[in-house]
Amino acid sequence: MREVDKPSSGYEYSRTGNPTRDTLEKKLAALEDAKYALAFSSGLAAEATVTLSLLRAGDHVVASEDLYGGTRRLFSKSLAPFGVSVSYVDLSDPDDLKSNMRENTRMIWLESPTNPLLRVYDIKAISEFAHTRGILCVVDNTFASPYFQRPLGMGCDIVVHSTTKYLGGHSDVVGGAVMTSNEEAYNKLKFNQNAIGAVPSPFDCFLTMRGIKTLAIRMEKHAANAQRVAEYLESSRQVNRVYYPGLPSNPHHELARRQMSGFGGMVSADLKGGVKGVNAFLSALKIFTLAESLGGVESLVDHPATMTHAGMSREERLAVGITDTLLRFSVGIEDAEDLIEDLERGLKTLNTAQPPYR
C-alpha cells in the first residue's frame, strides 16, 4: 500500500495541470515559435494574468489607442484601483510614443492589426524601443493569428491570444493563451495561472485543439474572402472608408506586407447614411449575423459603438476614429459571391441606385 504522505507522480489537480491542457499548451507554443505557452479560460483571463503577474502598484503602461474595448476596460477599471496607470497613444508615431514614456513605464501593449480599425504597427521597431528602456513589449496577435504573423520572432516579449477567435475557429469555445520565450516572465505567469485559476476545462482544450487542426486552411479562406469583401466595399458609393491592410490604398499596406504573410479575415467600414442607415443595413443582412465575437467559420458583423467598444465615451471613440457608423466584419469561409450579394442587399437600403459590383 502506498504511504499516505508520499507524493504521487504525475498530475495531482486539474487546475494545476492535466494532460489535455498540457498538450494544447505545447501546440500553442509551437504555433508562435515560443518556448512556453499557457492556456486560460478566456482572452481577458490571459490578459489579466499577464498584467497581475508582471506589473505592480505605481507602474505605468503605454498602450495603442485603438484597442479592444474589453482590454481598455481591464486597464482603466480593473487595474486602476491597484495603482496601475495607462496612456493610450498612436504607436505609429515614434514621437507620440516617446513623449508618453515615464520613469515608471514598465510595459508597451499593442494589437496589430488593431480592433476595430485594423491599424498595423511596426512590432520590430516598437519591441526594440521597449528593450532600450528595459521594459516589456506585449502583442495581442488575435486578429492576425499565428498563421499570418509571429510577433516573438520580431522581438516582442509576450504574445496574447483570445483562442475563442481564429485558433478555436468555430464559435463554440471560449479561451485565451499567453506565449513567451522569456523564462522569468513565464515562471511568474505559470505561478499565477495556478494561483488565480482562470484555466480552461479539458473539454475546452480539446475543442481548441480541434480548431487548430484546420487553422491553415481556414485562414487562407478567411483572408481570400476578406480581400474580396474589402474591395467590394471600397468600390461602393455608400461607404465612406474601408479599413483593411490588404488594400493598396490602406496607409498600413506596405508595413503589413513586410510584417505579415497574409492580411487576415477582419474588415471594417464606415457607412454613409448615419445611424439610421446603419440600422437599415444591418436589418437587411441574411448571411452576416450581428454578433460581438469574431474568427469563426461563419460571417459576423459588429457595431463597435454600441457593442464591443460601448464602454468608451463617445468623445473617446471619435478621437481614435471609431464613429457611430463604423461596422466591423468578421468575414467567414462561405462562398465569396454569397457574401458580396448579402452586402449588396444591405447597401441597397441606403441607396436603391447602388451599382452592381460585378
Protein backbone atom coordinates (compact mmCIF):
# COMPACT_ATOMS: atom_id res chain seq x y z
CA MET A 1 0.00 0.00 0.00
CA ARG A 2 1.29 3.49 -0.92
CA GLU A 3 2.21 5.68 2.03
CA VAL A 4 -0.41 8.39 2.59
CA ASP A 5 2.08 11.26 2.82
CA LYS A 6 4.31 10.13 -0.02
CA PRO A 7 3.96 12.42 -3.08
CA SER A 8 2.49 10.73 -6.12
CA SER A 9 3.98 11.16 -9.55
CA GLY A 10 2.19 12.82 -12.46
CA TYR A 11 -0.88 15.05 -12.22
CA GLU A 12 -2.40 15.91 -8.85
CA TYR A 13 -5.07 18.57 -9.51
CA SER A 14 -6.63 19.61 -12.79
CA ARG A 15 -6.39 23.35 -12.16
CA THR A 16 -2.63 22.97 -11.76
CA GLY A 17 -2.23 20.80 -14.83
CA ASN A 18 -3.78 17.99 -16.82
CA PRO A 19 -2.71 16.03 -19.91
CA THR A 20 -5.18 17.71 -22.27
CA ARG A 21 -4.23 21.25 -21.29
CA ASP A 22 -0.53 20.42 -21.40
CA THR A 23 -0.95 19.09 -24.93
CA LEU A 24 -2.77 22.25 -26.01
CA GLU A 25 -0.08 24.44 -24.48
CA LYS A 26 2.64 22.60 -26.39
CA LYS A 27 0.73 23.18 -29.63
CA LEU A 28 0.20 26.85 -28.82
CA ALA A 29 3.90 27.33 -28.12
CA ALA A 30 4.79 25.68 -31.42
CA LEU A 31 2.38 27.91 -33.34
CA GLU A 32 4.08 31.08 -32.09
CA ASP A 33 7.64 29.67 -32.13
CA ALA A 34 7.72 30.14 -28.35
CA LYS A 35 9.43 28.15 -25.62
CA TYR A 36 6.39 28.34 -23.38
CA ALA A 37 2.62 28.72 -23.63
CA LEU A 38 -0.13 28.90 -21.04
CA ALA A 39 -3.83 28.34 -21.66
CA PHE A 40 -6.58 30.32 -19.93
CA SER A 41 -10.35 30.33 -19.70
CA SER A 42 -10.67 33.45 -21.89
CA GLY A 43 -8.58 36.04 -23.65
CA LEU A 44 -9.25 38.55 -20.89
CA ALA A 45 -8.25 35.97 -18.26
CA ALA A 46 -4.95 35.66 -20.11
CA GLU A 47 -4.52 39.43 -20.24
CA ALA A 48 -5.44 39.87 -16.58
CA THR A 49 -2.90 37.24 -15.57
CA VAL A 50 -0.19 38.95 -17.64
CA THR A 51 -0.82 42.31 -16.01
CA LEU A 52 -1.20 40.96 -12.47
CA SER A 53 1.97 38.90 -12.85
CA LEU A 54 4.24 41.49 -14.42
CA LEU A 55 3.01 44.86 -13.10
CA ARG A 56 2.99 46.38 -9.63
CA ALA A 57 1.27 49.31 -7.93
CA GLY A 58 2.66 52.53 -9.33
CA ASP A 59 3.60 51.06 -12.71
CA HIS A 60 2.64 52.70 -15.99
CA VAL A 61 1.65 51.08 -19.30
CA VAL A 62 1.72 52.61 -22.78
CA ALA A 63 -0.97 51.04 -24.98
CA SER A 64 -2.16 51.50 -28.54
CA GLU A 65 -5.09 53.91 -28.66
CA ASP A 66 -7.09 51.65 -30.98
CA LEU A 67 -7.61 48.73 -28.60
CA TYR A 68 -10.29 46.12 -27.90
CA GLY A 69 -12.87 47.59 -25.54
CA GLY A 70 -12.51 44.74 -23.06
CA THR A 71 -8.78 45.34 -22.77
CA ARG A 72 -9.36 49.06 -22.20
CA ARG A 73 -11.89 48.18 -19.51
CA LEU A 74 -9.36 45.88 -17.84
CA PHE A 75 -6.74 48.63 -17.86
CA SER A 76 -8.95 51.57 -16.97
CA LYS A 77 -11.33 49.97 -14.48
CA SER A 78 -9.84 46.78 -13.04
CA LEU A 79 -6.18 47.78 -12.76
CA ALA A 80 -6.62 51.45 -11.87
CA PRO A 81 -7.66 50.76 -8.25
CA PHE A 82 -4.37 48.86 -7.82
CA GLY A 83 -2.35 51.88 -8.87
CA VAL A 84 -1.54 50.90 -12.46
CA SER A 85 -1.93 53.77 -14.94
CA VAL A 86 -2.25 53.59 -18.73
CA SER A 87 -1.60 56.06 -21.54
CA TYR A 88 -3.23 55.40 -24.92
CA VAL A 89 -1.05 56.61 -27.77
CA ASP A 90 -0.65 56.44 -31.53
CA LEU A 91 2.07 53.80 -31.77
CA SER A 92 2.61 54.57 -35.46
CA ASP A 93 4.08 57.92 -34.34
CA PRO A 94 7.51 57.44 -32.66
CA ASP A 95 7.33 60.93 -31.17
CA ASP A 96 3.96 60.21 -29.57
CA LEU A 97 5.36 57.00 -28.11
CA LYS A 98 8.49 58.67 -26.74
CA SER A 99 6.62 61.64 -25.28
CA ASN A 100 4.33 59.34 -23.29
CA MET A 101 7.10 57.33 -21.68
CA ARG A 102 7.61 57.87 -17.95
CA GLU A 103 10.19 56.75 -15.43
CA ASN A 104 7.67 54.20 -14.13
CA THR A 105 6.65 52.84 -17.55
CA ARG A 106 7.07 49.07 -17.42
CA MET A 107 5.22 47.78 -20.48
CA ILE A 108 4.14 48.63 -24.03
CA TRP A 109 0.93 46.86 -25.05
CA LEU A 110 -0.36 46.72 -28.60
CA GLU A 111 -2.61 44.94 -31.02
CA SER A 112 -1.58 44.56 -34.65
CA PRO A 113 -3.81 44.60 -36.59
CA THR A 114 -5.94 46.54 -34.13
CA ASN A 115 -9.55 46.13 -33.12
CA PRO A 116 -11.57 47.56 -34.83
CA LEU A 117 -9.65 49.87 -37.20
CA LEU A 118 -7.14 47.27 -38.46
CA ARG A 119 -4.14 49.53 -37.92
CA VAL A 120 -0.80 47.79 -38.29
CA TYR A 121 2.09 48.76 -36.04
CA ASP A 122 5.80 48.09 -36.54
CA ILE A 123 6.28 45.32 -33.97
CA LYS A 124 10.03 45.06 -34.53
CA ALA A 125 10.65 48.78 -34.07
CA ILE A 126 8.39 49.07 -31.03
CA SER A 127 9.96 46.00 -29.42
CA GLU A 128 13.45 47.37 -29.98
CA PHE A 129 12.41 50.68 -28.45
CA ALA A 130 10.91 48.89 -25.43
CA HIS A 131 14.13 47.00 -24.87
CA THR A 132 16.22 50.18 -24.96
CA ARG A 133 14.13 51.25 -21.97
CA GLY A 134 14.41 47.87 -20.27
CA ILE A 135 10.67 47.21 -20.42
CA LEU A 136 8.41 44.52 -21.85
CA CYS A 137 6.53 44.57 -25.14
CA VAL A 138 3.26 42.63 -25.27
CA VAL A 139 1.42 41.97 -28.56
CA ASP A 140 -2.16 40.79 -28.89
CA ASN A 141 -1.96 38.65 -32.04
CA THR A 142 -5.61 37.58 -32.10
CA PHE A 143 -6.60 39.31 -35.35
CA ALA A 144 -3.65 38.02 -37.39
CA SER A 145 -3.40 34.56 -35.81
CA PRO A 146 -0.04 32.74 -35.72
CA TYR A 147 -0.68 31.62 -39.28
CA PHE A 148 -0.15 35.12 -40.66
CA GLN A 149 2.09 36.71 -38.01
CA ARG A 150 4.54 35.66 -35.28
CA PRO A 151 5.45 38.65 -33.10
CA LEU A 152 8.01 36.84 -30.93
CA GLY A 153 10.22 36.48 -33.98
CA MET A 154 10.08 40.27 -34.37
CA GLY A 155 11.39 40.83 -30.87
CA CYS A 156 8.35 41.19 -28.65
CA ASP A 157 8.43 39.51 -25.23
CA ILE A 158 4.91 38.17 -24.80
CA VAL A 159 2.07 37.28 -27.17
CA VAL A 160 -1.54 37.02 -26.03
CA HIS A 161 -4.50 35.48 -27.83
CA SER A 162 -8.18 35.09 -27.45
CA THR A 163 -8.30 31.47 -28.60
CA THR A 164 -12.06 31.94 -28.78
CA LYS A 165 -11.43 33.51 -32.16
CA TYR A 166 -9.33 32.10 -35.01
CA LEU A 167 -7.48 29.41 -33.06
CA GLY A 168 -10.75 27.82 -31.93
CA GLY A 169 -12.38 28.90 -35.15
CA HIS A 170 -15.89 27.51 -34.68
CA SER A 171 -17.56 29.90 -32.21
CA ASP A 172 -18.16 27.09 -29.73
CA VAL A 173 -15.40 27.53 -27.13
CA VAL A 174 -14.05 30.41 -25.05
CA GLY A 175 -10.36 30.55 -24.22
CA GLY A 176 -7.15 32.54 -24.07
CA ALA A 177 -3.42 31.98 -24.30
CA VAL A 178 -0.08 33.55 -23.46
CA MET A 179 3.10 32.62 -25.32
CA THR A 180 6.64 33.68 -24.44
CA SER A 181 10.27 32.61 -24.58
CA ASN A 182 11.14 34.74 -21.54
CA GLU A 183 11.74 32.25 -18.73
CA GLU A 184 11.47 34.79 -15.93
CA ALA A 185 8.12 36.05 -17.20
CA TYR A 186 6.91 32.50 -17.80
CA ASN A 187 7.64 31.44 -14.22
CA LYS A 188 5.59 34.35 -12.87
CA LEU A 189 2.76 33.66 -15.30
CA LYS A 190 2.78 29.93 -14.57
CA PHE A 191 2.53 30.58 -10.83
CA ASN A 192 -0.47 32.87 -11.26
CA GLN A 193 -2.12 30.60 -13.81
CA ASN A 194 -2.44 28.15 -10.94
CA ALA A 195 -2.89 30.68 -8.11
CA ILE A 196 -5.65 32.65 -9.86
CA GLY A 197 -7.09 29.56 -11.52
CA ALA A 198 -8.64 31.08 -14.65
CA VAL A 199 -7.93 27.94 -16.66
CA PRO A 200 -9.88 26.13 -19.39
CA SER A 201 -11.54 22.78 -18.84
CA PRO A 202 -10.06 19.72 -20.56
CA PHE A 203 -13.01 19.70 -22.96
CA ASP A 204 -12.43 23.36 -23.87
CA CYS A 205 -8.80 22.44 -24.56
CA PHE A 206 -9.95 19.59 -26.78
CA LEU A 207 -12.22 21.91 -28.77
CA THR A 208 -9.41 24.42 -29.25
CA MET A 209 -7.05 21.69 -30.47
CA ARG A 210 -9.71 20.50 -32.88
CA GLY A 211 -9.87 24.04 -34.28
CA ILE A 212 -6.10 24.31 -34.60
CA LYS A 213 -6.10 21.30 -36.93
CA THR A 214 -7.80 23.37 -39.64
CA LEU A 215 -6.21 26.75 -38.84
CA ALA A 216 -4.17 26.97 -42.04
CA ILE A 217 -6.95 26.16 -44.48
CA ARG A 218 -9.43 28.37 -42.64
CA MET A 219 -7.12 31.39 -42.51
CA GLU A 220 -6.41 31.17 -46.22
CA LYS A 221 -10.15 31.23 -46.97
CA HIS A 222 -10.85 33.96 -44.42
CA ALA A 223 -8.19 36.17 -45.99
CA ALA A 224 -9.26 35.49 -49.57
CA ASN A 225 -12.88 36.31 -48.76
CA ALA A 226 -11.91 39.39 -46.74
CA GLN A 227 -9.92 40.73 -49.68
CA ARG A 228 -12.96 40.35 -51.94
CA VAL A 229 -15.26 41.95 -49.37
CA ALA A 230 -12.88 44.86 -48.77
CA GLU A 231 -12.50 45.53 -52.49
CA TYR A 232 -16.26 45.44 -52.95
CA LEU A 233 -16.93 47.81 -50.06
CA GLU A 234 -14.21 50.18 -51.30
CA SER A 235 -15.96 50.32 -54.68
CA SER A 236 -19.29 51.33 -53.13
CA ARG A 237 -20.52 54.93 -53.11
CA GLN A 238 -22.37 54.12 -49.88
CA VAL A 239 -19.15 53.58 -47.92
CA ASN A 240 -17.06 56.44 -46.57
CA ARG A 241 -13.95 54.41 -45.83
CA VAL A 242 -12.77 50.81 -45.68
CA TYR A 243 -10.19 49.57 -43.18
CA TYR A 244 -8.28 46.52 -44.40
CA PRO A 245 -4.47 46.20 -44.61
CA GLY A 246 -4.76 44.15 -47.79
CA LEU A 247 -5.96 47.15 -49.79
CA PRO A 248 -3.16 49.03 -51.60
CA SER A 249 -4.92 52.26 -50.60
CA ASN A 250 -4.53 51.44 -46.91
CA PRO A 251 -1.77 53.51 -45.24
CA HIS A 252 -0.50 50.40 -43.43
CA HIS A 253 -0.42 48.20 -46.53
CA GLU A 254 3.34 48.14 -47.11
CA LEU A 255 4.12 47.52 -43.43
CA ALA A 256 1.56 44.71 -43.38
CA ARG A 257 3.18 43.15 -46.45
CA ARG A 258 6.55 43.13 -44.71
CA GLN A 259 5.33 42.05 -41.30
CA MET A 260 2.57 39.56 -42.13
CA SER A 261 2.30 36.64 -44.52
CA GLY A 262 -1.39 37.40 -45.11
CA PHE A 263 -3.83 40.17 -44.28
CA GLY A 264 -6.37 38.26 -42.21
CA GLY A 265 -10.13 37.97 -42.19
CA MET A 266 -11.24 41.19 -40.48
CA VAL A 267 -12.60 44.19 -42.40
CA SER A 268 -14.10 47.41 -41.03
CA ALA A 269 -16.08 50.00 -42.95
CA ASP A 270 -17.61 53.39 -42.21
CA LEU A 271 -21.00 53.63 -43.92
CA LYS A 272 -22.89 56.65 -45.20
CA GLY A 273 -26.46 57.29 -44.14
CA GLY A 274 -25.97 57.90 -40.43
CA VAL A 275 -27.04 55.61 -37.60
CA LYS A 276 -30.46 55.14 -39.20
CA GLY A 277 -28.78 53.89 -42.36
CA VAL A 278 -26.55 51.52 -40.39
CA ASN A 279 -29.59 50.02 -38.69
CA ALA A 280 -31.34 49.54 -42.04
CA PHE A 281 -28.21 47.94 -43.49
CA LEU A 282 -27.88 45.51 -40.59
CA SER A 283 -31.56 44.58 -40.71
CA ALA A 284 -31.29 43.64 -44.39
CA LEU A 285 -28.40 41.20 -43.99
CA LYS A 286 -29.16 37.48 -44.18
CA ILE A 287 -25.72 35.84 -44.04
CA PHE A 288 -23.72 38.21 -41.82
CA THR A 289 -25.01 37.80 -38.27
CA LEU A 290 -24.90 40.70 -35.80
CA ALA A 291 -22.62 39.50 -33.00
CA GLU A 292 -19.67 40.69 -30.92
CA SER A 293 -17.36 37.73 -31.49
CA LEU A 294 -15.16 37.03 -34.49
CA GLY A 295 -12.87 34.48 -36.09
CA GLY A 296 -15.38 31.68 -36.59
CA VAL A 297 -16.20 29.98 -39.86
CA GLU A 298 -19.44 31.96 -40.15
CA SER A 299 -19.54 35.64 -41.11
CA LEU A 300 -20.37 38.12 -38.36
CA VAL A 301 -20.81 41.89 -38.19
CA ASP A 302 -20.28 44.09 -35.14
CA HIS A 303 -21.29 47.69 -34.40
CA PRO A 304 -18.40 48.77 -32.16
CA ALA A 305 -20.04 51.96 -30.88
CA THR A 306 -22.86 50.02 -29.21
CA MET A 307 -21.22 46.63 -28.77
CA THR A 308 -17.51 45.85 -28.36
CA HIS A 309 -16.47 49.45 -27.61
CA ALA A 310 -19.60 50.66 -25.84
CA GLY A 311 -17.58 51.15 -22.64
CA MET A 312 -15.75 54.08 -24.22
CA SER A 313 -17.29 57.53 -24.13
CA ARG A 314 -18.40 58.92 -27.48
CA GLU A 315 -15.63 61.51 -27.27
CA GLU A 316 -13.01 58.79 -26.69
CA ARG A 317 -14.34 56.72 -29.58
CA LEU A 318 -14.41 59.58 -32.04
CA ALA A 319 -10.93 60.68 -31.01
CA VAL A 320 -9.47 57.36 -32.18
CA GLY A 321 -11.72 57.06 -35.25
CA ILE A 322 -14.48 54.74 -34.01
CA THR A 323 -17.52 56.52 -35.42
CA ASP A 324 -21.20 55.81 -34.87
CA THR A 325 -21.39 54.44 -38.42
CA LEU A 326 -18.41 52.08 -38.24
CA LEU A 327 -19.05 48.37 -38.76
CA ARG A 328 -16.56 45.56 -38.17
CA PHE A 329 -16.93 42.46 -40.35
CA SER A 330 -15.55 39.07 -39.38
CA VAL A 331 -15.51 37.52 -42.84
CA GLY A 332 -16.20 33.80 -42.73
CA ILE A 333 -15.42 30.98 -45.11
CA GLU A 334 -18.70 30.95 -47.02
CA ASP A 335 -18.74 31.48 -50.78
CA ALA A 336 -17.44 34.98 -51.52
CA GLU A 337 -20.16 35.68 -54.07
CA ASP A 338 -22.83 34.94 -51.47
CA LEU A 339 -21.18 37.33 -49.02
CA ILE A 340 -20.99 40.13 -51.58
CA GLU A 341 -24.64 39.59 -52.54
CA ASP A 342 -25.54 39.90 -48.87
CA LEU A 343 -23.64 43.18 -48.58
CA GLU A 344 -25.30 44.43 -51.78
CA ARG A 345 -28.64 43.66 -50.18
CA GLY A 346 -27.73 45.78 -47.20
CA LEU A 347 -26.30 48.67 -49.19
CA LYS A 348 -29.43 48.88 -51.33
CA THR A 349 -31.28 50.02 -48.22
CA LEU A 350 -29.04 53.11 -48.26
CA ASN A 351 -29.47 53.84 -51.96
CA THR A 352 -31.52 51.80 -54.45
CA ALA A 353 -29.30 53.18 -57.23
CA GLN A 354 -26.29 51.30 -55.88
CA PRO A 355 -24.47 49.93 -58.99
CA PRO A 356 -23.70 46.21 -59.18
CA TYR A 357 -20.17 45.17 -58.25
CA ARG A 358 -19.79 42.53 -60.92
